[in-house]
Amino acid sequence: RGLQRTRAKLASSLRALVFGAKHSQAVMSPKPKSKVLVIGGQFSGTFCARELKKAFHVTVVDAKEYFEYTPGVLRAFVKPCHLDALTFTLQPVLERKMGVKFIWGEVKALNGFIWGEVKALNGTEKTATVKTIFAGTDEIAYDYCIVCSGCNFGPFKPMGESL
């Protein structure tokens, strides 16, 4: 109880120093939460969403509607009933249990950068064009963006003729 009183006095003193004596008892309104866009909802994407949800408004965009524990897929070949333990639908877990927004779709453009070709790169715009699975395209504004889309290895391209 003494610690709470000390914190209240300290907060009141700080308000008096910053805003003047007449505002020392005024209630400070909380700063609005910044928006974080997480591209990818697998291991790193769900980890980032879980860790950032308390301090930010988090939106996760993934092209798949489910999470897949890929290292366990080989076991599912010999024990097919194990597949249910390797996957879960993302939306109920992210939205109901974690409290973050989930969009099932693909990010097609980020700050004017279109995947595959650069049209324009504008870092001040901070918008993403998302092609959702059911509703067409949507513009999402964000303050911070984390790309957790994993890796992709393209097909091999031979350097010369093969014998």
Protein backbone atom coordinates (compact mmCIF):
# COMPACT_ATOMS: atom_id res chain seq x y z
CA ARG A 1 0.00 0.00 0.00
CA GLY A 2 2.87 2.35 0.74
CA LEU A 3 4.34 1.60 -2.70
CA GLN A 4 1.07 2.60 -4.40
CA ARG A 5 1.03 5.90 -2.50
CA THR A 6 4.65 6.57 -3.48
CA ARG A 7 3.88 5.86 -7.15
CA ALA A 8 0.86 8.18 -7.06
CA LYS A 9 2.91 11.00 -5.50
CA LEU A 10 5.68 10.48 -8.04
CA ALA A 11 3.20 10.56 -10.94
CA SER A 12 1.60 13.72 -9.54
CA SER A 13 5.00 15.37 -9.16
CA LEU A 14 5.97 14.47 -12.73
CA ARG A 15 2.71 15.91 -14.08
CA ALA A 16 3.33 19.10 -12.09
CA LEU A 17 6.85 19.41 -13.51
CA VAL A 18 5.79 18.78 -17.10
CA PHE A 19 2.40 20.51 -17.27
CA GLY A 20 2.51 22.98 -14.37
CA ALA A 21 0.95 22.88 -10.92
CA LYS A 22 -2.67 23.38 -12.08
CA HIS A 23 -2.53 20.20 -14.22
CA SER A 24 -0.90 18.00 -11.59
CA GLN A 25 -4.18 16.35 -10.64
CA ALA A 26 -5.41 15.99 -14.23
CA VAL A 27 -5.80 12.49 -15.54
CA MET A 28 -3.46 11.77 -18.42
CA SER A 29 -5.09 10.13 -21.43
CA PRO A 30 -3.21 7.07 -22.64
CA LYS A 31 -1.33 7.29 -25.92
CA PRO A 32 -3.13 5.41 -28.71
CA LYS A 33 -1.57 2.09 -29.63
CA SER A 34 0.49 1.92 -32.81
CA LYS A 35 -0.51 -0.54 -35.55
CA VAL A 36 1.75 -3.45 -36.45
CA LEU A 37 1.28 -5.48 -39.64
CA VAL A 38 2.75 -8.99 -39.50
CA ILE A 39 3.10 -10.67 -42.90
CA GLY A 40 3.09 -14.43 -42.33
CA GLY A 41 1.34 -16.40 -39.62
CA GLN A 42 3.58 -19.38 -39.05
CA PHE A 43 6.31 -19.73 -36.38
CA SER A 44 7.83 -16.24 -36.39
CA GLY A 45 4.58 -14.48 -37.29
CA THR A 46 2.55 -16.00 -34.44
CA PHE A 47 5.46 -15.42 -32.05
CA CYS A 48 5.63 -11.72 -32.99
CA ALA A 49 1.86 -11.34 -32.72
CA ARG A 50 1.81 -12.94 -29.27
CA GLU A 51 4.68 -10.82 -27.97
CA LEU A 52 3.41 -7.50 -29.38
CA LYS A 53 -0.33 -7.79 -28.73
CA LYS A 54 -0.29 -5.97 -25.39
CA ALA A 55 1.52 -2.87 -26.63
CA PHE A 56 0.22 -2.66 -30.23
CA HIS A 57 -2.82 -3.29 -32.42
CA VAL A 58 -1.57 -6.32 -34.37
CA THR A 59 -2.86 -7.56 -37.74
CA VAL A 60 -1.55 -10.84 -39.16
CA VAL A 61 -1.87 -11.59 -42.89
CA ASP A 62 -1.19 -15.11 -44.18
CA ALA A 63 -1.95 -16.86 -47.47
CA LYS A 64 -2.82 -20.05 -45.59
CA GLU A 65 -5.73 -20.30 -43.19
CA TYR A 66 -3.92 -22.85 -41.03
CA PHE A 67 -0.71 -23.23 -39.05
CA GLU A 68 1.39 -26.25 -39.99
CA TYR A 69 4.15 -27.80 -37.91
CA THR A 70 6.21 -28.81 -40.93
CA PRO A 71 8.97 -30.78 -39.11
CA GLY A 72 6.34 -33.28 -37.97
CA VAL A 73 4.91 -33.97 -41.44
CA LEU A 74 7.16 -36.99 -42.00
CA ARG A 75 5.61 -38.71 -39.00
CA ALA A 76 2.16 -38.16 -40.54
CA PHE A 77 3.20 -40.31 -43.52
CA VAL A 78 3.53 -43.37 -41.29
CA LYS A 79 0.80 -42.36 -38.85
CA PRO A 80 -1.91 -40.39 -40.76
CA CYS A 81 -3.99 -39.76 -37.63
CA HIS A 82 -1.09 -37.61 -36.36
CA LEU A 83 -1.86 -34.93 -38.98
CA ASP A 84 -4.53 -33.32 -36.76
CA ALA A 85 -1.89 -32.66 -34.10
CA LEU A 86 0.32 -30.85 -36.63
CA THR A 87 -2.15 -28.23 -37.87
CA PHE A 88 -4.72 -25.79 -36.54
CA THR A 89 -6.85 -23.05 -38.08
CA LEU A 90 -5.24 -19.65 -37.53
CA GLN A 91 -8.27 -17.38 -37.20
CA PRO A 92 -9.79 -18.80 -34.00
CA VAL A 93 -6.42 -18.98 -32.27
CA LEU A 94 -5.18 -15.53 -33.32
CA GLU A 95 -8.45 -13.64 -32.89
CA ARG A 96 -10.13 -15.37 -29.93
CA LYS A 97 -7.20 -16.62 -27.87
CA MET A 98 -4.50 -14.06 -28.71
CA GLY A 99 -6.71 -11.05 -29.42
CA VAL A 100 -5.11 -9.99 -32.71
CA LYS A 101 -6.74 -9.51 -36.11
CA PHE A 102 -6.22 -12.17 -38.79
CA ILE A 103 -6.66 -11.65 -42.54
CA TRP A 104 -6.57 -14.66 -44.83
CA GLY A 105 -4.94 -13.28 -47.95
CA GLU A 106 -1.73 -12.22 -49.66
CA VAL A 107 0.11 -8.92 -49.41
CA LYS A 108 0.48 -7.78 -53.01
CA ALA A 109 2.04 -4.35 -52.44
CA LEU A 110 3.83 -2.74 -49.52
CA ASN A 111 4.54 1.02 -49.59
CA GLY A 112 4.22 0.98 -53.38
CA PHE A 113 6.59 -1.98 -53.74
CA ILE A 114 4.82 -4.69 -55.69
CA TRP A 115 6.17 -8.20 -55.20
CA GLY A 116 8.17 -9.10 -58.29
CA GLU A 117 8.59 -5.55 -59.58
CA VAL A 118 9.41 -2.21 -58.03
CA LYS A 119 6.91 0.48 -59.01
CA ALA A 120 7.74 3.00 -56.33
CA LEU A 121 9.05 2.83 -52.81
CA ASN A 122 7.48 5.35 -50.45
CA GLY A 123 8.30 4.75 -46.81
CA THR A 124 6.05 7.54 -45.56
CA GLU A 125 2.88 6.01 -47.02
CA LYS A 126 2.89 2.95 -44.73
CA THR A 127 0.09 1.04 -46.42
CA ALA A 128 -0.18 -2.52 -47.64
CA THR A 129 -2.41 -3.79 -50.44
CA VAL A 130 -3.83 -7.15 -49.41
CA LYS A 131 -5.66 -9.49 -51.78
CA THR A 132 -8.03 -11.28 -49.45
CA ILE A 133 -9.34 -14.71 -50.30
CA PHE A 134 -13.03 -13.74 -50.37
CA ALA A 135 -13.41 -9.95 -50.53
CA GLY A 136 -10.99 -8.76 -53.22
CA THR A 137 -8.31 -6.21 -52.32
CA ASP A 138 -8.01 -4.10 -49.20
CA GLU A 139 -5.65 -1.31 -48.07
CA ILE A 140 -4.21 -1.70 -44.58
CA ALA A 141 -2.47 1.17 -42.80
CA TYR A 142 0.28 0.39 -40.31
CA ASP A 143 2.99 2.06 -38.26
CA TYR A 144 5.37 -0.90 -38.24
CA CYS A 145 5.62 -3.92 -40.54
CA ILE A 146 7.28 -7.24 -39.79
CA VAL A 147 7.83 -9.64 -42.69
CA CYS A 148 7.67 -13.24 -41.44
CA SER A 149 6.90 -14.93 -44.74
CA GLY A 150 9.58 -17.60 -44.47
CA CYS A 151 11.93 -18.55 -47.25
CA ASN A 152 11.34 -19.74 -50.77
CA PHE A 153 13.87 -21.33 -53.03
CA GLY A 154 13.14 -20.87 -56.71
CA PRO A 155 13.66 -23.56 -59.32
CA PHE A 156 17.23 -24.27 -60.33
CA LYS A 157 18.34 -22.46 -63.45
CA PRO A 158 21.21 -24.09 -65.31
CA MET A 159 24.18 -21.86 -66.08
CA GLY A 160 24.95 -23.62 -69.32
CA GLU A 161 24.16 -26.71 -71.31
CA SER A 162 23.90 -29.99 -69.50
CA LEU A 163 25.60 -33.07 -70.94
